[in-house]
């Protein structure tokens, strides 16, 4: 894996609710799996997506939530 890919994945894994993440630079997206506890809120996908996208931005990665039905 490239250093950039590992950096983005490591940036995601600081959150305990993230159980797995796959980053695809060709498609410019990351797919993130979360713990079941995150899914109790009605808008959990929006909340989690915005939180992760914001954090990725602070880590130096361009990011925005998309495809919320896939989170």
PDB file of N, CA and C in Angstrom:
ATOM      1  N   UNK A   1       0.838  -1.180   0.000  1.00  0.00           N
ATOM      2  CA  UNK A   1       0.000   0.000   0.000  1.00  0.00           C
ATOM      3  C   UNK A   1       0.884   1.244   0.000  1.00  0.00           C
ATOM      4  N   UNK A   2       0.407   2.291  -0.663  1.00  0.00           N
ATOM      5  CA  UNK A   2       1.159   3.539  -0.694  1.00  0.00           C
ATOM      6  C   UNK A   2       1.078   4.215   0.669  1.00  0.00           C
ATOM      7  N   UNK A   3       2.033   5.107   0.928  1.00  0.00           N
ATOM      8  CA  UNK A   3       2.019   5.848   2.188  1.00  0.00           C
ATOM      9  C   UNK A   3       0.763   6.697   2.316  1.00  0.00           C
ATOM     10  N   UNK A   4       0.313   7.269   1.184  1.00  0.00           N
ATOM     11  CA  UNK A   4      -0.884   8.099   1.216  1.00  0.00           C
ATOM     12  C   UNK A   4      -2.104   7.258   1.584  1.00  0.00           C
ATOM     13  N   UNK A   5      -2.242   6.092   1.000  1.00  0.00           N
ATOM     14  CA  UNK A   5      -3.355   5.196   1.303  1.00  0.00           C
ATOM     15  C   UNK A   5      -3.319   4.781   2.764  1.00  0.00           C
ATOM     16  N   UNK A   6      -2.170   4.405   3.246  1.00  0.00           N
ATOM     17  CA  UNK A   6      -2.056   4.003   4.650  1.00  0.00           C
ATOM     18  C   UNK A   6      -2.363   5.180   5.567  1.00  0.00           C
ATOM     19  N   UNK A   7      -1.960   6.380   5.172  1.00  0.00           N
ATOM     20  CA  UNK A   7      -2.237   7.559   5.978  1.00  0.00           C
ATOM     21  C   UNK A   7      -3.724   7.826   6.109  1.00  0.00           C
ATOM     22  N   UNK A   8      -4.443   7.708   5.007  1.00  0.00           N
ATOM     23  CA  UNK A   8      -5.884   7.939   5.049  1.00  0.00           C
ATOM     24  C   UNK A   8      -6.579   6.878   5.887  1.00  0.00           C
ATOM     25  N   UNK A   9      -6.211   5.635   5.702  1.00  0.00           N
ATOM     26  CA  UNK A   9      -6.821   4.559   6.498  1.00  0.00           C
ATOM     27  C   UNK A   9      -6.512   4.745   7.975  1.00  0.00           C
ATOM     28  N   UNK A  10      -5.266   5.090   8.307  1.00  0.00           N
ATOM     29  CA  UNK A  10      -4.904   5.314   9.709  1.00  0.00           C
ATOM     30  C   UNK A  10      -5.695   6.478  10.293  1.00  0.00           C
ATOM     31  N   UNK A  11      -5.924   7.493   9.488  1.00  0.00           N
ATOM     32  CA  UNK A  11      -6.698   8.653   9.924  1.00  0.00           C
ATOM     33  C   UNK A  11      -8.127   8.236  10.271  1.00  0.00           C
ATOM     34  N   UNK A  12      -8.700   7.301   9.532  1.00  0.00           N
ATOM     35  CA  UNK A  12     -10.050   6.822   9.806  1.00  0.00           C
ATOM     36  C   UNK A  12     -10.118   5.955  11.055  1.00  0.00           C
ATOM     37  N   UNK A  13      -9.075   5.195  11.306  1.00  0.00           N
ATOM     38  CA  UNK A  13      -9.124   4.221  12.396  1.00  0.00           C
ATOM     39  C   UNK A  13      -8.919   4.818  13.779  1.00  0.00           C
ATOM     40  N   UNK A  14      -8.780   6.141  13.883  1.00  0.00           N
ATOM     41  CA  UNK A  14      -8.706   6.715  15.221  1.00  0.00           C
ATOM     42  C   UNK A  14     -10.076   6.711  15.889  1.00  0.00           C
ATOM     43  N   UNK A  15     -11.119   6.533  15.088  1.00  0.00           N
ATOM     44  CA  UNK A  15     -12.477   6.492  15.625  1.00  0.00           C
ATOM     45  C   UNK A  15     -12.830   5.063  16.013  1.00  0.00           C
ATOM     46  N   UNK A  16     -13.234   4.839  17.260  1.00  0.00           N
ATOM     47  CA  UNK A  16     -13.561   3.474  17.695  1.00  0.00           C
ATOM     48  C   UNK A  16     -14.745   2.873  16.944  1.00  0.00           C
ATOM     49  N   UNK A  17     -15.604   3.726  16.359  1.00  0.00           N
ATOM     50  CA  UNK A  17     -16.764   3.208  15.643  1.00  0.00           C
ATOM     51  C   UNK A  17     -16.422   2.671  14.256  1.00  0.00           C
ATOM     52  N   UNK A  18     -15.216   2.934  13.771  1.00  0.00           N
ATOM     53  CA  UNK A  18     -14.785   2.429  12.467  1.00  0.00           C
ATOM     54  C   UNK A  18     -14.169   1.046  12.659  1.00  0.00           C
ATOM     55  N   UNK A  19     -14.778   0.034  12.028  1.00  0.00           N
ATOM     56  CA  UNK A  19     -14.263  -1.330  12.161  1.00  0.00           C
ATOM     57  C   UNK A  19     -13.432  -1.750  10.960  1.00  0.00           C
ATOM     58  N   UNK A  20     -13.701  -1.122   9.807  1.00  0.00           N
ATOM     59  CA  UNK A  20     -12.980  -1.463   8.589  1.00  0.00           C
ATOM     60  C   UNK A  20     -13.116  -0.310   7.605  1.00  0.00           C
ATOM     61  N   UNK A  21     -12.104  -0.168   6.752  1.00  0.00           N
ATOM     62  CA  UNK A  21     -12.164   0.873   5.719  1.00  0.00           C
ATOM     63  C   UNK A  21     -11.399   0.410   4.496  1.00  0.00           C
ATOM     64  N   UNK A  22     -11.970   0.691   3.341  1.00  0.00           N
ATOM     65  CA  UNK A  22     -11.326   0.399   2.066  1.00  0.00           C
ATOM     66  C   UNK A  22     -11.221   1.708   1.306  1.00  0.00           C
ATOM     67  N   UNK A  23     -10.015   2.047   0.875  1.00  0.00           N
ATOM     68  CA  UNK A  23      -9.789   3.294   0.152  1.00  0.00           C
ATOM     69  C   UNK A  23      -9.420   2.963  -1.285  1.00  0.00           C
ATOM     70  N   UNK A  24     -10.136   3.600  -2.221  1.00  0.00           N
ATOM     71  CA  UNK A  24      -9.889   3.397  -3.649  1.00  0.00           C
ATOM     72  C   UNK A  24      -9.527   4.744  -4.262  1.00  0.00           C
ATOM     73  N   UNK A  25      -8.231   4.961  -4.514  1.00  0.00           N
ATOM     74  CA  UNK A  25      -7.791   6.242  -5.050  1.00  0.00           C
ATOM     75  C   UNK A  25      -8.181   6.433  -6.510  1.00  0.00           C
ATOM     76  N   UNK A  26      -8.302   5.379  -7.266  1.00  0.00           N
ATOM     77  CA  UNK A  26      -8.724   5.520  -8.664  1.00  0.00           C
ATOM     78  C   UNK A  26     -10.132   6.084  -8.750  1.00  0.00           C
ATOM     79  N   UNK A  27     -11.003   5.642  -7.866  1.00  0.00           N
ATOM     80  CA  UNK A  27     -12.386   6.115  -7.836  1.00  0.00           C
ATOM     81  C   UNK A  27     -12.561   7.299  -6.884  1.00  0.00           C
ATOM     82  N   UNK A  28     -11.509   7.648  -6.154  1.00  0.00           N
ATOM     83  CA  UNK A  28     -11.530   8.756  -5.187  1.00  0.00           C
ATOM     84  C   UNK A  28     -12.632   8.578  -4.144  1.00  0.00           C
ATOM     85  N   UNK A  29     -12.631   7.389  -3.504  1.00  0.00           N
ATOM     86  CA  UNK A  29     -13.625   7.161  -2.459  1.00  0.00           C
ATOM     87  C   UNK A  29     -13.108   6.175  -1.431  1.00  0.00           C
ATOM     88  N   UNK A  30     -13.746   6.243  -0.284  1.00  0.00           N
ATOM     89  CA  UNK A  30     -13.463   5.290   0.790  1.00  0.00           C
ATOM     90  C   UNK A  30     -14.792   4.712   1.243  1.00  0.00           C
ATOM     91  N   UNK A  31     -14.804   3.435   1.509  1.00  0.00           N
ATOM     92  CA  UNK A  31     -15.977   2.770   2.064  1.00  0.00           C
ATOM     93  C   UNK A  31     -15.615   2.397   3.495  1.00  0.00           C
ATOM     94  N   UNK A  32     -16.489   2.782   4.419  1.00  0.00           N
ATOM     95  CA  UNK A  32     -16.202   2.599   5.840  1.00  0.00           C
ATOM     96  C   UNK A  32     -17.296   1.746   6.472  1.00  0.00           C
ATOM     97  N   UNK A  33     -16.884   0.764   7.256  1.00  0.00           N
ATOM     98  CA  UNK A  33     -17.824  -0.059   8.023  1.00  0.00           C
ATOM     99  C   UNK A  33     -17.732   0.369   9.467  1.00  0.00           C
ATOM    100  N   UNK A  34     -18.885   0.394  10.136  1.00  0.00           N
ATOM    101  CA  UNK A  34     -18.944   0.873  11.510  1.00  0.00           C
ATOM    102  C   UNK A  34     -19.499  -0.198  12.454  1.00  0.00           C
ATOM    103  N   UNK A  35     -19.356   0.085  13.737  1.00  0.00           N
ATOM    104  CA  UNK A  35     -19.917  -0.795  14.755  1.00  0.00           C
ATOM    105  C   UNK A  35     -21.444  -0.650  14.758  1.00  0.00           C
ATOM    106  N   UNK A  36     -22.154  -1.676  15.212  1.00  0.00           N
ATOM    107  CA  UNK A  36     -23.625  -1.601  15.252  1.00  0.00           C
ATOM    108  C   UNK A  36     -24.138  -0.462  16.138  1.00  0.00           C
ATOM    109  N   UNK A  37     -23.388  -0.092  17.164  1.00  0.00           N
ATOM    110  CA  UNK A  37     -23.826   0.955  18.085  1.00  0.00           C
ATOM    111  C   UNK A  37     -24.028   2.296  17.382  1.00  0.00           C
ATOM    112  N   UNK A  38     -23.284   2.550  16.336  1.00  0.00           N
ATOM    113  CA  UNK A  38     -23.387   3.811  15.595  1.00  0.00           C
ATOM    114  C   UNK A  38     -24.739   3.904  14.891  1.00  0.00           C
ATOM    115  N   UNK A  39     -25.298   2.779  14.535  1.00  0.00           N
ATOM    116  CA  UNK A  39     -26.480   2.739  13.683  1.00  0.00           C
ATOM    117  C   UNK A  39     -27.797   2.947  14.428  1.00  0.00           C
ATOM    118  N   UNK A  40     -27.759   3.304  15.711  1.00  0.00           N
ATOM    119  CA  UNK A  40     -29.002   3.488  16.475  1.00  0.00           C
ATOM    120  C   UNK A  40     -29.678   4.823  16.172  1.00  0.00           C
ATOM    121  N   UNK A  41     -28.914   5.841  15.831  1.00  0.00           N
ATOM    122  CA  UNK A  41     -29.496   7.144  15.500  1.00  0.00           C
ATOM    123  C   UNK A  41     -30.167   7.077  14.130  1.00  0.00           C
ATOM    124  N   UNK A  42     -31.272   7.810  13.981  1.00  0.00           N
ATOM    125  CA  UNK A  42     -32.022   7.784  12.722  1.00  0.00           C
ATOM    126  C   UNK A  42     -31.174   8.258  11.543  1.00  0.00           C
ATOM    127  N   UNK A  43     -30.371   9.291  11.767  1.00  0.00           N
ATOM    128  CA  UNK A  43     -29.545   9.837  10.685  1.00  0.00           C
ATOM    129  C   UNK A  43     -28.065   9.483  10.877  1.00  0.00           C
ATOM    130  N   UNK A  44     -27.804   8.269  11.332  1.00  0.00           N
ATOM    131  CA  UNK A  44     -26.440   7.852  11.657  1.00  0.00           C
ATOM    132  C   UNK A  44     -25.507   7.963  10.468  1.00  0.00           C
ATOM    133  N   UNK A  45     -25.986   7.691   9.265  1.00  0.00           N
ATOM    134  CA  UNK A  45     -25.123   7.741   8.084  1.00  0.00           C
ATOM    135  C   UNK A  45     -24.644   9.164   7.829  1.00  0.00           C
ATOM    136  N   UNK A  46     -25.556  10.109   7.945  1.00  0.00           N
ATOM    137  CA  UNK A  46     -25.202  11.515   7.738  1.00  0.00           C
ATOM    138  C   UNK A  46     -24.231  11.975   8.826  1.00  0.00           C
ATOM    139  N   UNK A  47     -24.545  11.695  10.088  1.00  0.00           N
ATOM    140  CA  UNK A  47     -23.692  12.115  11.197  1.00  0.00           C
ATOM    141  C   UNK A  47     -22.292  11.520  11.087  1.00  0.00           C
ATOM    142  N   UNK A  48     -22.226  10.235  10.867  1.00  0.00           N
ATOM    143  CA  UNK A  48     -20.949   9.535  10.798  1.00  0.00           C
ATOM    144  C   UNK A  48     -20.162   9.990   9.561  1.00  0.00           C
ATOM    145  N   UNK A  49     -20.831  10.100   8.426  1.00  0.00           N
ATOM    146  CA  UNK A  49     -20.177  10.523   7.193  1.00  0.00           C
ATOM    147  C   UNK A  49     -19.577  11.910   7.315  1.00  0.00           C
ATOM    148  N   UNK A  50     -20.334  12.842   7.888  1.00  0.00           N
ATOM    149  CA  UNK A  50     -19.834  14.207   8.056  1.00  0.00           C
ATOM    150  C   UNK A  50     -18.664  14.257   9.033  1.00  0.00           C
ATOM    151  N   UNK A  51     -18.760  13.487  10.106  1.00  0.00           N
ATOM    152  CA  UNK A  51     -17.679  13.456  11.104  1.00  0.00           C
ATOM    153  C   UNK A  51     -16.390  12.912  10.491  1.00  0.00           C
ATOM    154  N   UNK A  52     -16.493  11.805   9.762  1.00  0.00           N
ATOM    155  CA  UNK A  52     -15.307  11.205   9.149  1.00  0.00           C
ATOM    156  C   UNK A  52     -14.736  12.087   8.048  1.00  0.00           C
ATOM    157  N   UNK A  53     -15.600  12.679   7.227  1.00  0.00           N
ATOM    158  CA  UNK A  53     -15.134  13.560   6.150  1.00  0.00           C
ATOM    159  C   UNK A  53     -14.423  14.776   6.726  1.00  0.00           C
ATOM    160  N   UNK A  54     -14.967  15.333   7.775  1.00  0.00           N
ATOM    161  CA  UNK A  54     -14.339  16.491   8.418  1.00  0.00           C
ATOM    162  C   UNK A  54     -12.968  16.128   8.976  1.00  0.00           C
ATOM    163  N   UNK A  55     -12.890  14.988   9.626  1.00  0.00           N
ATOM    164  CA  UNK A  55     -11.614  14.560  10.204  1.00  0.00           C
ATOM    165  C   UNK A  55     -10.576  14.282   9.112  1.00  0.00           C
ATOM    166  N   UNK A  56     -10.984  13.656   8.031  1.00  0.00           N
ATOM    167  CA  UNK A  56     -10.059  13.418   6.921  1.00  0.00           C
ATOM    168  C   UNK A  56      -9.515  14.740   6.387  1.00  0.00           C
ATOM    169  N   UNK A  57     -10.362  15.763   6.362  1.00  0.00           N
ATOM    170  CA  UNK A  57      -9.918  17.085   5.934  1.00  0.00           C
ATOM    171  C   UNK A  57      -8.839  17.639   6.841  1.00  0.00           C
ATOM    172  N   UNK A  58      -8.975  17.431   8.149  1.00  0.00           N
ATOM    173  CA  UNK A  58      -7.956  17.916   9.076  1.00  0.00           C
ATOM    174  C   UNK A  58      -6.665  17.115   8.950  1.00  0.00           C
ATOM    175  N   UNK A  59      -6.764  15.913   8.417  1.00  0.00           N
ATOM    176  CA  UNK A  59      -5.572  15.083   8.186  1.00  0.00           C
ATOM    177  C   UNK A  59      -4.909  15.408   6.842  1.00  0.00           C
ATOM    178  N   UNK A  60      -5.492  16.338   6.086  1.00  0.00           N
ATOM    179  CA  UNK A  60      -4.900  16.745   4.822  1.00  0.00           C
ATOM    180  C   UNK A  60      -5.458  16.056   3.590  1.00  0.00           C
ATOM    181  N   UNK A  61      -6.564  15.329   3.736  1.00  0.00           N
ATOM    182  CA  UNK A  61      -7.186  14.643   2.612  1.00  0.00           C
ATOM    183  C   UNK A  61      -8.459  15.374   2.212  1.00  0.00           C
ATOM    184  N   UNK A  62      -8.652  15.590   0.920  1.00  0.00           N
ATOM    185  CA  UNK A  62      -9.898  16.181   0.443  1.00  0.00           C
ATOM    186  C   UNK A  62     -10.999  15.154   0.629  1.00  0.00           C
ATOM    187  N   UNK A  63     -12.089  15.546   1.266  1.00  0.00           N
ATOM    188  CA  UNK A  63     -13.121  14.565   1.580  1.00  0.00           C
ATOM    189  C   UNK A  63     -14.478  15.224   1.724  1.00  0.00           C
ATOM    190  N   UNK A  64     -15.499  14.507   1.306  1.00  0.00           N
ATOM    191  CA  UNK A  64     -16.888  14.896   1.519  1.00  0.00           C
ATOM    192  C   UNK A  64     -17.721  13.629   1.544  1.00  0.00           C
ATOM    193  N   UNK A  65     -18.760  13.608   2.370  1.00  0.00           N
ATOM    194  CA  UNK A  65     -19.616  12.421   2.413  1.00  0.00           C
ATOM    195  C   UNK A  65     -20.370  12.252   1.092  1.00  0.00           C
ATOM    196  N   UNK A  66     -20.554  11.023   0.669  1.00  0.00           N
ATOM    197  CA  UNK A  66     -21.370  10.737  -0.511  1.00  0.00           C
ATOM    198  C   UNK A  66     -21.880   9.309  -0.383  1.00  0.00           C
ATOM    199  N   UNK A  67     -22.927   8.988  -1.092  1.00  0.00           N
ATOM    200  CA  UNK A  67     -23.448   7.622  -1.055  1.00  0.00           C
ATOM    201  C   UNK A  67     -23.820   7.183   0.337  1.00  0.00           C
ATOM    202  N   UNK A  68     -24.567   8.006   1.055  1.00  0.00           N
ATOM    203  CA  UNK A  68     -24.861   7.719   2.446  1.00  0.00           C
ATOM    204  C   UNK A  68     -25.545   6.391   2.665  1.00  0.00           C
ATOM    205  N   UNK A  69     -26.230   5.869   1.661  1.00  0.00           N
ATOM    206  CA  UNK A  69     -26.881   4.579   1.816  1.00  0.00           C
ATOM    207  C   UNK A  69     -25.870   3.449   1.898  1.00  0.00           C
ATOM    208  N   UNK A  70     -24.610   3.723   1.600  1.00  0.00           N
ATOM    209  CA  UNK A  70     -23.584   2.693   1.604  1.00  0.00           C
ATOM    210  C   UNK A  70     -22.755   2.669   2.880  1.00  0.00           C
ATOM    211  N   UNK A  71     -22.954   3.623   3.775  1.00  0.00           N
ATOM    212  CA  UNK A  71     -22.101   3.694   4.967  1.00  0.00           C
ATOM    213  C   UNK A  71     -22.330   2.559   5.905  1.00  0.00           C
TER     214      UNK A  71
END
